[in-house]
Amino acid sequence: MEFVKYAGMYIQLATFIFSVFYYYKYKHTAMKWLPIYLGLVAFVELFCGYYYKQNNVWIYNLVTLVQFNFYAFLFYWYLEEISKKIALLLIIGYNIFYVLSFVINLNSFFDEMASFPHVISVVILIVLLIMMFNQMLRIENFVGFTYNLLFWLCFSLLVFHATSLPLFSISKWNETVGDFKGSLIKILLFSILASHAILIFGFIWSKRKYTY
């Protein structure tokens, strides 16, 4: 299990490094803040993995909020017309729900993973990703589509959220045991490795002139 933990941590660090190395490809776009976000995520994983191993669930609950708002507002910037309005309503609604979920004790902020807010955030992000793919397919040809870093970012997020969604409906991972817990960790590792590998490929494969 140690290998699983460290593999997940270091591929996130690798993704951050690639985002910095290929920054010139997308620094002119709304994705220019991506290295800051990826760096924050990598730092949290390394910090909690080495120094703050116990009672750190509240940090991941905060990361859930940061992750949702970062990507949701990024997509909001790209979306057009009615899709943009829908995205804004979903963002506002989610942030209200996030706060209320702890106020009414759907989850305990410091003691367990915020399963309800996380599942809702994933569902909303998948809806926004579908909107993004639909918009890109309407305005781009195949060549531009595959050379655009935005496509690979969206694809990586869709793979991660679609494969890991059932896992984050579990609020107390510590209470899972045996082979079931091992299976959960393996599925999560696959989700992390696959999504980050796709994004790293996107950094390498994408071209500046097709990325907006």
Protein backbone atom coordinates (compact mmCIF):
# COMPACT_ATOMS: atom_id res chain seq x y z
CA MET A 1 0.00 0.00 0.00
CA GLU A 2 2.96 2.32 0.51
CA PHE A 3 3.82 2.04 -3.18
CA VAL A 4 0.25 2.97 -4.07
CA LYS A 5 0.38 6.07 -1.87
CA TYR A 6 3.72 7.32 -3.16
CA ALA A 7 2.90 6.59 -6.81
CA GLY A 8 -0.20 8.75 -6.49
CA MET A 9 1.74 11.55 -4.78
CA TYR A 10 4.64 11.69 -7.19
CA ILE A 11 2.67 11.60 -10.41
CA GLN A 12 0.88 14.70 -9.15
CA LEU A 13 4.25 16.32 -8.52
CA ALA A 14 5.33 15.27 -12.02
CA THR A 15 2.21 16.85 -13.50
CA PHE A 16 3.03 20.13 -11.76
CA ILE A 17 6.58 20.03 -13.15
CA PHE A 18 5.31 19.41 -16.69
CA SER A 19 2.80 22.25 -16.31
CA VAL A 20 5.65 24.64 -15.50
CA PHE A 21 7.95 23.32 -18.24
CA TYR A 22 5.28 23.72 -20.94
CA TYR A 23 3.80 26.91 -19.52
CA TYR A 24 4.69 28.84 -22.69
CA LYS A 25 2.05 26.85 -24.58
CA TYR A 26 -0.89 28.16 -22.58
CA LYS A 27 0.25 31.25 -20.66
CA HIS A 28 -1.90 33.38 -22.98
CA THR A 29 -5.08 31.53 -21.99
CA ALA A 30 -7.38 31.26 -18.96
CA MET A 31 -5.41 28.12 -18.04
CA LYS A 32 -2.43 30.27 -17.07
CA TRP A 33 -3.24 29.69 -13.37
CA LEU A 34 -3.04 25.91 -13.77
CA PRO A 35 0.52 25.54 -12.40
CA ILE A 36 -0.47 27.33 -9.19
CA TYR A 37 -3.38 24.97 -8.65
CA LEU A 38 -1.38 21.85 -9.54
CA GLY A 39 1.47 23.02 -7.32
CA LEU A 40 -0.93 23.48 -4.41
CA VAL A 41 -2.36 19.98 -4.88
CA ALA A 42 1.11 18.43 -5.10
CA PHE A 43 2.22 20.31 -1.97
CA VAL A 44 -0.84 19.13 -0.01
CA GLU A 45 -0.25 15.52 -1.06
CA LEU A 46 3.42 15.60 -0.10
CA PHE A 47 2.79 17.49 3.14
CA CYS A 48 0.05 15.12 4.28
CA GLY A 49 1.96 12.10 3.00
CA TYR A 50 5.13 12.83 4.96
CA TYR A 51 4.43 15.29 7.78
CA TYR A 52 0.72 15.52 8.58
CA LYS A 53 -0.45 11.94 8.27
CA GLN A 54 -3.12 11.91 10.96
CA ASN A 55 -6.33 13.92 11.36
CA ASN A 56 -5.81 15.64 8.00
CA VAL A 57 -9.21 15.00 6.47
CA TRP A 58 -10.20 18.66 6.91
CA ILE A 59 -7.40 19.65 4.53
CA TYR A 60 -8.81 17.39 1.82
CA ASN A 61 -12.28 18.79 2.46
CA LEU A 62 -10.86 22.26 1.76
CA VAL A 63 -9.10 20.94 -1.34
CA THR A 64 -12.46 19.67 -2.60
CA LEU A 65 -13.84 23.21 -2.40
CA VAL A 66 -10.77 24.75 -4.04
CA GLN A 67 -10.71 22.12 -6.78
CA PHE A 68 -14.35 22.59 -7.66
CA ASN A 69 -14.18 26.38 -7.79
CA PHE A 70 -10.93 26.44 -9.75
CA TYR A 71 -12.21 24.20 -12.54
CA ALA A 72 -15.80 25.43 -12.47
CA PHE A 73 -14.75 29.08 -12.88
CA LEU A 74 -12.23 28.05 -15.54
CA PHE A 75 -15.00 26.40 -17.55
CA TYR A 76 -17.32 29.32 -16.83
CA TRP A 77 -14.79 31.59 -18.51
CA TYR A 78 -14.83 29.41 -21.65
CA LEU A 79 -18.52 28.61 -21.89
CA GLU A 80 -20.84 30.80 -23.97
CA GLU A 81 -24.42 32.07 -23.85
CA ILE A 82 -26.91 29.91 -21.91
CA SER A 83 -24.22 27.42 -20.86
CA LYS A 84 -22.37 30.24 -19.10
CA LYS A 85 -25.49 31.20 -17.14
CA ILE A 86 -26.15 27.59 -16.17
CA ALA A 87 -22.54 27.22 -15.02
CA LEU A 88 -22.79 30.31 -12.80
CA LEU A 89 -25.99 29.04 -11.16
CA LEU A 90 -24.38 25.66 -10.50
CA ILE A 91 -21.29 27.30 -8.98
CA ILE A 92 -23.33 29.51 -6.65
CA GLY A 93 -25.62 26.63 -5.71
CA TYR A 94 -22.73 24.32 -4.94
CA ASN A 95 -20.91 26.76 -2.69
CA ILE A 96 -24.09 27.36 -0.70
CA PHE A 97 -24.65 23.60 -0.41
CA TYR A 98 -21.02 23.05 0.66
CA VAL A 99 -21.40 25.36 3.66
CA LEU A 100 -24.87 24.09 4.56
CA SER A 101 -23.73 20.45 4.47
CA PHE A 102 -21.56 21.08 7.51
CA VAL A 103 -24.02 23.40 9.23
CA ILE A 104 -26.73 20.72 9.18
CA ASN A 105 -24.21 17.93 9.90
CA LEU A 106 -24.46 15.95 6.69
CA ASN A 107 -20.74 15.46 7.24
CA SER A 108 -18.31 16.39 9.99
CA PHE A 109 -15.72 18.80 8.53
CA PHE A 110 -12.84 17.70 10.79
CA ASP A 111 -13.67 14.00 11.23
CA GLU A 112 -14.71 12.57 7.88
CA MET A 113 -14.50 13.12 4.17
CA ALA A 114 -17.18 15.49 2.90
CA SER A 115 -18.81 12.80 0.79
CA PHE A 116 -22.02 14.71 0.00
CA PRO A 117 -20.29 17.91 -1.21
CA HIS A 118 -17.70 15.87 -3.09
CA VAL A 119 -20.23 13.76 -4.97
CA ILE A 120 -22.27 16.85 -5.87
CA SER A 121 -19.13 18.65 -7.03
CA VAL A 122 -18.17 15.74 -9.28
CA VAL A 123 -21.64 15.54 -10.82
CA ILE A 124 -21.60 19.29 -11.53
CA LEU A 125 -18.09 19.16 -12.99
CA ILE A 126 -19.09 16.28 -15.27
CA VAL A 127 -22.06 18.35 -16.49
CA LEU A 128 -19.72 21.30 -17.16
CA LEU A 129 -17.25 19.00 -18.94
CA ILE A 130 -20.00 17.72 -21.23
CA MET A 131 -20.86 21.35 -22.03
CA MET A 132 -17.20 22.05 -22.74
CA PHE A 133 -16.81 19.06 -25.08
CA ASN A 134 -20.01 20.00 -26.90
CA GLN A 135 -18.77 23.57 -27.41
CA MET A 136 -15.31 22.49 -28.57
CA LEU A 137 -16.80 20.03 -31.07
CA ARG A 138 -18.95 22.80 -32.54
CA ILE A 139 -16.17 25.34 -33.07
CA GLU A 140 -13.06 23.24 -33.79
CA ASN A 141 -11.93 20.77 -36.43
CA PHE A 142 -10.34 17.45 -35.46
CA VAL A 143 -6.76 18.68 -35.74
CA GLY A 144 -7.35 21.73 -33.60
CA PHE A 145 -9.32 19.66 -31.12
CA THR A 146 -6.49 17.20 -30.41
CA TYR A 147 -3.75 19.84 -30.30
CA ASN A 148 -5.64 22.00 -27.82
CA LEU A 149 -4.45 21.59 -24.22
CA LEU A 150 -7.94 22.46 -23.02
CA PHE A 151 -9.24 19.23 -24.56
CA TRP A 152 -6.66 17.11 -22.73
CA LEU A 153 -7.38 18.89 -19.46
CA CYS A 154 -11.10 18.20 -19.83
CA PHE A 155 -10.47 14.60 -20.89
CA SER A 156 -8.20 13.95 -17.90
CA LEU A 157 -10.79 15.37 -15.49
CA LEU A 158 -13.58 13.31 -17.05
CA VAL A 159 -11.55 10.11 -16.68
CA PHE A 160 -10.71 10.87 -13.06
CA HIS A 161 -14.18 11.86 -11.94
CA ALA A 162 -16.05 9.20 -13.89
CA THR A 163 -13.90 6.40 -12.45
CA SER A 164 -13.56 7.69 -8.89
CA LEU A 165 -17.08 9.03 -8.28
CA PRO A 166 -18.34 5.89 -6.43
CA LEU A 167 -15.31 5.96 -4.12
CA PHE A 168 -15.99 9.43 -2.78
CA SER A 169 -19.51 8.53 -1.73
CA ILE A 170 -17.80 6.77 1.18
CA SER A 171 -17.30 9.26 3.98
CA LYS A 172 -15.27 7.10 6.37
CA TRP A 173 -12.55 5.20 4.55
CA ASN A 174 -10.96 4.15 7.83
CA GLU A 175 -13.98 1.96 8.53
CA THR A 176 -13.53 -0.08 5.35
CA VAL A 177 -11.56 -3.28 5.86
CA GLY A 178 -9.76 -6.12 4.14
CA ASP A 179 -9.91 -6.77 0.42
CA PHE A 180 -12.63 -4.16 -0.07
CA LYS A 181 -10.40 -1.38 1.21
CA GLY A 182 -7.54 -2.63 -0.93
CA SER A 183 -9.78 -2.60 -4.00
CA LEU A 184 -10.89 0.97 -3.27
CA ILE A 185 -7.29 2.14 -3.04
CA LYS A 186 -6.36 0.40 -6.31
CA ILE A 187 -9.28 1.98 -8.15
CA LEU A 188 -8.34 5.41 -6.77
CA LEU A 189 -4.71 4.90 -7.81
CA PHE A 190 -5.82 3.94 -11.33
CA SER A 191 -7.98 7.07 -11.51
CA ILE A 192 -5.11 9.29 -10.39
CA LEU A 193 -2.46 7.70 -12.60
CA ALA A 194 -4.66 7.56 -15.71
CA SER A 195 -5.92 11.14 -15.42
CA HIS A 196 -2.48 12.62 -14.71
CA ALA A 197 -0.87 10.57 -17.48
CA ILE A 198 -3.44 11.98 -19.91
CA LEU A 199 -2.76 15.54 -18.75
CA ILE A 200 1.01 15.07 -18.96
CA PHE A 201 0.56 13.76 -22.50
CA GLY A 202 -1.55 16.81 -23.21
CA PHE A 203 1.21 19.15 -22.05
CA ILE A 204 3.65 17.40 -24.39
CA TRP A 205 1.37 16.89 -27.40
CA SER A 206 -0.54 20.18 -27.46
CA LYS A 207 0.56 23.13 -29.58
CA ARG A 208 0.45 26.78 -28.59
CA LYS A 209 -1.34 28.00 -31.71
CA TYR A 210 -4.24 25.59 -31.18
CA THR A 211 -4.56 26.26 -27.45
CA TYR A 212 -6.86 29.05 -26.38
